Amino acid sequence: MQTSEQIIIGELMRLVQMQAQEIKLLKARITELERIIAQNNRPRKDSNNSSVPPSNDENRPPRTISLREKAIVKREDSPVMREELWR
């Protein structure tokens, strides 16, 4: 027959083994969550940190006006007008 000390020691050993299994599972879960967090914290690619063109930047302000100056073209400079002038 087991003494009360042996029974207590047996129960404590069982408890320690259960806790060790739970710690192992929790460590695996922590590792998985850290991996997910690392993936989500990567900076998004934009024209400053990759080869993405500036027109594809997400935070780019919308273009309201053209950045090019409007060219003033005289009618005589057009190829069609030149042909008409020579006739």
N, C-alpha and C. Protein backbone atom coordinates (compact mmCIF):
# COMPACT_ATOMS: atom_id res chain seq x y z
N MET A 1 0.84 -1.18 0.00
CA MET A 1 0.00 0.00 0.00
C MET A 1 0.88 1.24 0.00
N GLN A 2 0.41 2.28 -0.72
CA GLN A 2 1.18 3.51 -0.81
C GLN A 2 0.91 4.40 0.39
N THR A 3 1.95 5.10 0.78
CA THR A 3 1.78 6.04 1.88
C THR A 3 1.18 7.32 1.31
N SER A 4 0.73 8.19 2.17
CA SER A 4 0.12 9.45 1.73
C SER A 4 1.15 10.33 1.03
N GLU A 5 2.40 10.23 1.46
CA GLU A 5 3.46 11.01 0.80
C GLU A 5 3.64 10.55 -0.65
N GLN A 6 3.63 9.24 -0.84
CA GLN A 6 3.78 8.70 -2.19
C GLN A 6 2.61 9.09 -3.09
N ILE A 7 1.42 9.12 -2.53
CA ILE A 7 0.23 9.52 -3.29
C ILE A 7 0.36 11.00 -3.70
N ILE A 8 0.77 11.83 -2.76
CA ILE A 8 0.93 13.26 -3.04
C ILE A 8 2.03 13.47 -4.09
N ILE A 9 3.14 12.76 -3.95
CA ILE A 9 4.24 12.87 -4.90
C ILE A 9 3.77 12.43 -6.30
N GLY A 10 3.02 11.35 -6.36
CA GLY A 10 2.48 10.86 -7.65
C GLY A 10 1.56 11.88 -8.30
N GLU A 11 0.68 12.49 -7.50
CA GLU A 11 -0.23 13.52 -8.02
C GLU A 11 0.54 14.73 -8.51
N LEU A 12 1.57 15.13 -7.75
CA LEU A 12 2.38 16.28 -8.15
C LEU A 12 3.15 15.99 -9.44
N MET A 13 3.66 14.78 -9.59
CA MET A 13 4.37 14.40 -10.81
C MET A 13 3.43 14.44 -12.03
N ARG A 14 2.21 13.96 -11.84
CA ARG A 14 1.22 13.98 -12.91
C ARG A 14 0.89 15.42 -13.28
N LEU A 15 0.75 16.28 -12.29
CA LEU A 15 0.46 17.69 -12.51
C LEU A 15 1.61 18.38 -13.26
N VAL A 16 2.84 18.07 -12.88
CA VAL A 16 4.01 18.66 -13.55
C VAL A 16 4.06 18.21 -15.01
N GLN A 17 3.77 16.94 -15.28
CA GLN A 17 3.76 16.44 -16.65
C GLN A 17 2.68 17.14 -17.49
N MET A 18 1.51 17.34 -16.93
CA MET A 18 0.43 18.04 -17.65
C MET A 18 0.83 19.48 -17.94
N GLN A 19 1.47 20.13 -16.97
CA GLN A 19 1.91 21.51 -17.17
C GLN A 19 3.01 21.58 -18.23
N ALA A 20 3.89 20.60 -18.25
CA ALA A 20 4.95 20.58 -19.26
C ALA A 20 4.36 20.45 -20.66
N GLN A 21 3.32 19.61 -20.81
CA GLN A 21 2.67 19.46 -22.10
C GLN A 21 1.98 20.78 -22.51
N GLU A 22 1.33 21.42 -21.57
CA GLU A 22 0.65 22.69 -21.86
C GLU A 22 1.67 23.77 -22.23
N ILE A 23 2.79 23.81 -21.53
CA ILE A 23 3.84 24.79 -21.85
C ILE A 23 4.36 24.56 -23.27
N LYS A 24 4.53 23.30 -23.65
CA LYS A 24 5.00 22.98 -25.00
C LYS A 24 4.02 23.49 -26.06
N LEU A 25 2.72 23.26 -25.83
CA LEU A 25 1.69 23.74 -26.76
C LEU A 25 1.65 25.27 -26.81
N LEU A 26 1.76 25.91 -25.68
CA LEU A 26 1.72 27.37 -25.64
C LEU A 26 2.94 27.99 -26.33
N LYS A 27 4.10 27.36 -26.18
CA LYS A 27 5.30 27.87 -26.87
C LYS A 27 5.12 27.77 -28.38
N ALA A 28 4.55 26.69 -28.85
CA ALA A 28 4.30 26.53 -30.29
C ALA A 28 3.32 27.58 -30.77
N ARG A 29 2.30 27.86 -29.99
CA ARG A 29 1.31 28.88 -30.36
C ARG A 29 1.95 30.27 -30.39
N ILE A 30 2.79 30.57 -29.42
CA ILE A 30 3.48 31.86 -29.38
C ILE A 30 4.36 32.02 -30.62
N THR A 31 5.07 30.98 -30.99
CA THR A 31 5.93 31.03 -32.17
C THR A 31 5.10 31.31 -33.43
N GLU A 32 3.96 30.64 -33.54
CA GLU A 32 3.09 30.84 -34.69
C GLU A 32 2.56 32.28 -34.74
N LEU A 33 2.13 32.80 -33.61
CA LEU A 33 1.60 34.16 -33.56
C LEU A 33 2.68 35.20 -33.84
N GLU A 34 3.90 34.97 -33.37
CA GLU A 34 5.00 35.89 -33.66
C GLU A 34 5.31 35.91 -35.15
N ARG A 35 5.20 34.75 -35.80
CA ARG A 35 5.42 34.68 -37.24
C ARG A 35 4.35 35.48 -37.99
N ILE A 36 3.10 35.35 -37.55
CA ILE A 36 2.01 36.09 -38.18
C ILE A 36 2.20 37.59 -37.99
N ILE A 37 2.58 37.99 -36.80
CA ILE A 37 2.81 39.42 -36.52
C ILE A 37 3.94 39.95 -37.39
N ALA A 38 5.00 39.17 -37.53
CA ALA A 38 6.14 39.61 -38.35
C ALA A 38 5.73 39.79 -39.80
N GLN A 39 4.85 38.93 -40.31
CA GLN A 39 4.38 39.06 -41.69
C GLN A 39 3.54 40.31 -41.86
N ASN A 40 2.69 40.61 -40.89
CA ASN A 40 1.79 41.75 -40.99
C ASN A 40 2.48 43.08 -40.76
N ASN A 41 3.64 43.08 -40.14
CA ASN A 41 4.33 44.33 -39.85
C ASN A 41 5.33 44.73 -40.92
N ARG A 42 5.42 43.98 -41.99
CA ARG A 42 6.33 44.35 -43.08
C ARG A 42 5.79 45.61 -43.75
N PRO A 43 6.68 46.52 -44.09
CA PRO A 43 6.19 47.73 -44.76
C PRO A 43 5.67 47.39 -46.15
N ARG A 44 4.63 48.10 -46.54
CA ARG A 44 4.09 47.88 -47.87
C ARG A 44 5.06 48.41 -48.91
N LYS A 45 5.08 47.77 -50.05
CA LYS A 45 5.98 48.20 -51.11
C LYS A 45 5.43 49.47 -51.76
N ASP A 46 6.29 50.44 -51.91
CA ASP A 46 5.95 51.65 -52.64
C ASP A 46 7.16 52.10 -53.42
N SER A 47 7.07 53.25 -54.04
CA SER A 47 8.16 53.70 -54.92
C SER A 47 9.43 54.03 -54.15
N ASN A 48 9.34 54.21 -52.84
CA ASN A 48 10.52 54.53 -52.04
C ASN A 48 11.34 53.31 -51.64
N ASN A 49 10.69 52.14 -51.49
CA ASN A 49 11.41 50.97 -51.00
C ASN A 49 11.39 49.78 -51.96
N SER A 50 10.96 50.01 -53.21
CA SER A 50 10.96 48.92 -54.18
C SER A 50 10.93 49.50 -55.59
N SER A 51 10.73 48.63 -56.55
CA SER A 51 10.70 49.10 -57.94
C SER A 51 9.29 49.43 -58.40
N VAL A 52 8.35 49.55 -57.49
CA VAL A 52 6.98 49.92 -57.84
C VAL A 52 6.98 51.37 -58.33
N PRO A 53 6.32 51.65 -59.45
CA PRO A 53 6.32 53.03 -59.94
C PRO A 53 5.52 53.95 -59.02
N PRO A 54 5.86 55.23 -58.98
CA PRO A 54 5.15 56.16 -58.10
C PRO A 54 3.65 56.23 -58.36
N SER A 55 3.24 55.95 -59.58
CA SER A 55 1.81 56.01 -59.88
C SER A 55 1.02 54.92 -59.16
N ASN A 56 1.70 53.89 -58.66
CA ASN A 56 1.02 52.80 -57.94
C ASN A 56 1.10 52.95 -56.42
N ASP A 57 1.68 54.02 -55.93
CA ASP A 57 1.74 54.22 -54.48
C ASP A 57 0.33 54.34 -53.92
N GLU A 58 0.09 53.69 -52.79
CA GLU A 58 -1.24 53.72 -52.19
C GLU A 58 -1.56 55.07 -51.57
N ASN A 59 -0.58 55.71 -50.96
CA ASN A 59 -0.83 56.96 -50.26
C ASN A 59 -0.57 58.18 -51.14
N ARG A 60 -0.48 57.96 -52.42
CA ARG A 60 -0.21 59.04 -53.35
C ARG A 60 -1.42 59.97 -53.42
N PRO A 61 -1.23 61.28 -53.36
CA PRO A 61 -2.38 62.18 -53.47
C PRO A 61 -2.97 62.10 -54.87
N PRO A 62 -4.28 62.21 -54.99
CA PRO A 62 -4.88 62.12 -56.32
C PRO A 62 -4.44 63.29 -57.18
N ARG A 63 -4.23 63.02 -58.44
CA ARG A 63 -3.77 64.06 -59.36
C ARG A 63 -4.99 64.86 -59.82
N THR A 64 -5.03 66.11 -59.48
CA THR A 64 -6.17 66.95 -59.85
C THR A 64 -5.89 67.74 -61.11
N ILE A 65 -4.62 68.06 -61.34
CA ILE A 65 -4.27 68.78 -62.55
C ILE A 65 -3.05 68.11 -63.17
N SER A 66 -2.87 68.35 -64.42
CA SER A 66 -1.71 67.79 -65.11
C SER A 66 -0.45 68.48 -64.65
N LEU A 67 0.62 67.72 -64.51
CA LEU A 67 1.88 68.30 -64.11
C LEU A 67 2.62 68.92 -65.30
N ARG A 68 2.17 68.60 -66.48
CA ARG A 68 2.79 69.16 -67.68
C ARG A 68 2.16 70.50 -68.02
N GLU A 69 2.98 71.37 -68.57
CA GLU A 69 2.44 72.64 -69.03
C GLU A 69 1.78 72.41 -70.38
N LYS A 70 0.70 73.13 -70.60
CA LYS A 70 0.03 73.00 -71.88
C LYS A 70 0.87 73.67 -72.95
N ALA A 71 1.06 72.96 -74.02
CA ALA A 71 1.87 73.50 -75.11
C ALA A 71 1.02 74.43 -75.96
N ILE A 72 1.60 75.54 -76.32
CA ILE A 72 0.92 76.47 -77.22
C ILE A 72 1.46 76.18 -78.61
N VAL A 73 0.62 75.62 -79.44
CA VAL A 73 1.03 75.24 -80.78
C VAL A 73 0.34 76.16 -81.77
N LYS A 74 1.13 76.77 -82.60
CA LYS A 74 0.57 77.60 -83.65
C LYS A 74 0.01 76.70 -84.74
N ARG A 75 -1.03 77.13 -85.34
CA ARG A 75 -1.66 76.31 -86.36
C ARG A 75 -0.73 76.09 -87.55
N GLU A 76 0.15 77.01 -87.82
CA GLU A 76 1.05 76.85 -88.95
C GLU A 76 2.06 75.73 -88.73
N ASP A 77 2.31 75.38 -87.48
CA ASP A 77 3.30 74.37 -87.17
C ASP A 77 2.79 72.94 -87.37
N SER A 78 1.49 72.79 -87.52
CA SER A 78 0.99 71.43 -87.66
C SER A 78 1.28 70.92 -89.06
N PRO A 79 1.54 69.64 -89.22
CA PRO A 79 1.86 69.08 -90.53
C PRO A 79 0.75 69.29 -91.55
N VAL A 80 -0.47 69.24 -91.09
CA VAL A 80 -1.60 69.41 -92.01
C VAL A 80 -1.59 70.83 -92.56
N MET A 81 -1.36 71.81 -91.72
CA MET A 81 -1.34 73.20 -92.15
C MET A 81 -0.16 73.47 -93.10
N ARG A 82 0.95 72.84 -92.89
CA ARG A 82 2.10 73.03 -93.77
C ARG A 82 1.77 72.61 -95.19
N GLU A 83 1.09 71.47 -95.30
CA GLU A 83 0.73 71.00 -96.62
C GLU A 83 -0.24 71.96 -97.29
N GLU A 84 -1.17 72.50 -96.51
CA GLU A 84 -2.12 73.43 -97.08
C GLU A 84 -1.45 74.74 -97.49
N LEU A 85 -0.42 75.15 -96.75
CA LEU A 85 0.27 76.38 -97.09
C LEU A 85 1.05 76.25 -98.38
N TRP A 86 1.54 75.07 -98.70
CA TRP A 86 2.35 74.87 -99.90
C TRP A 86 1.48 74.68 -101.14
N ARG A 87 0.24 74.54 -101.01
CA ARG A 87 -0.63 74.33 -102.19
C ARG A 87 -0.97 75.60 -102.87
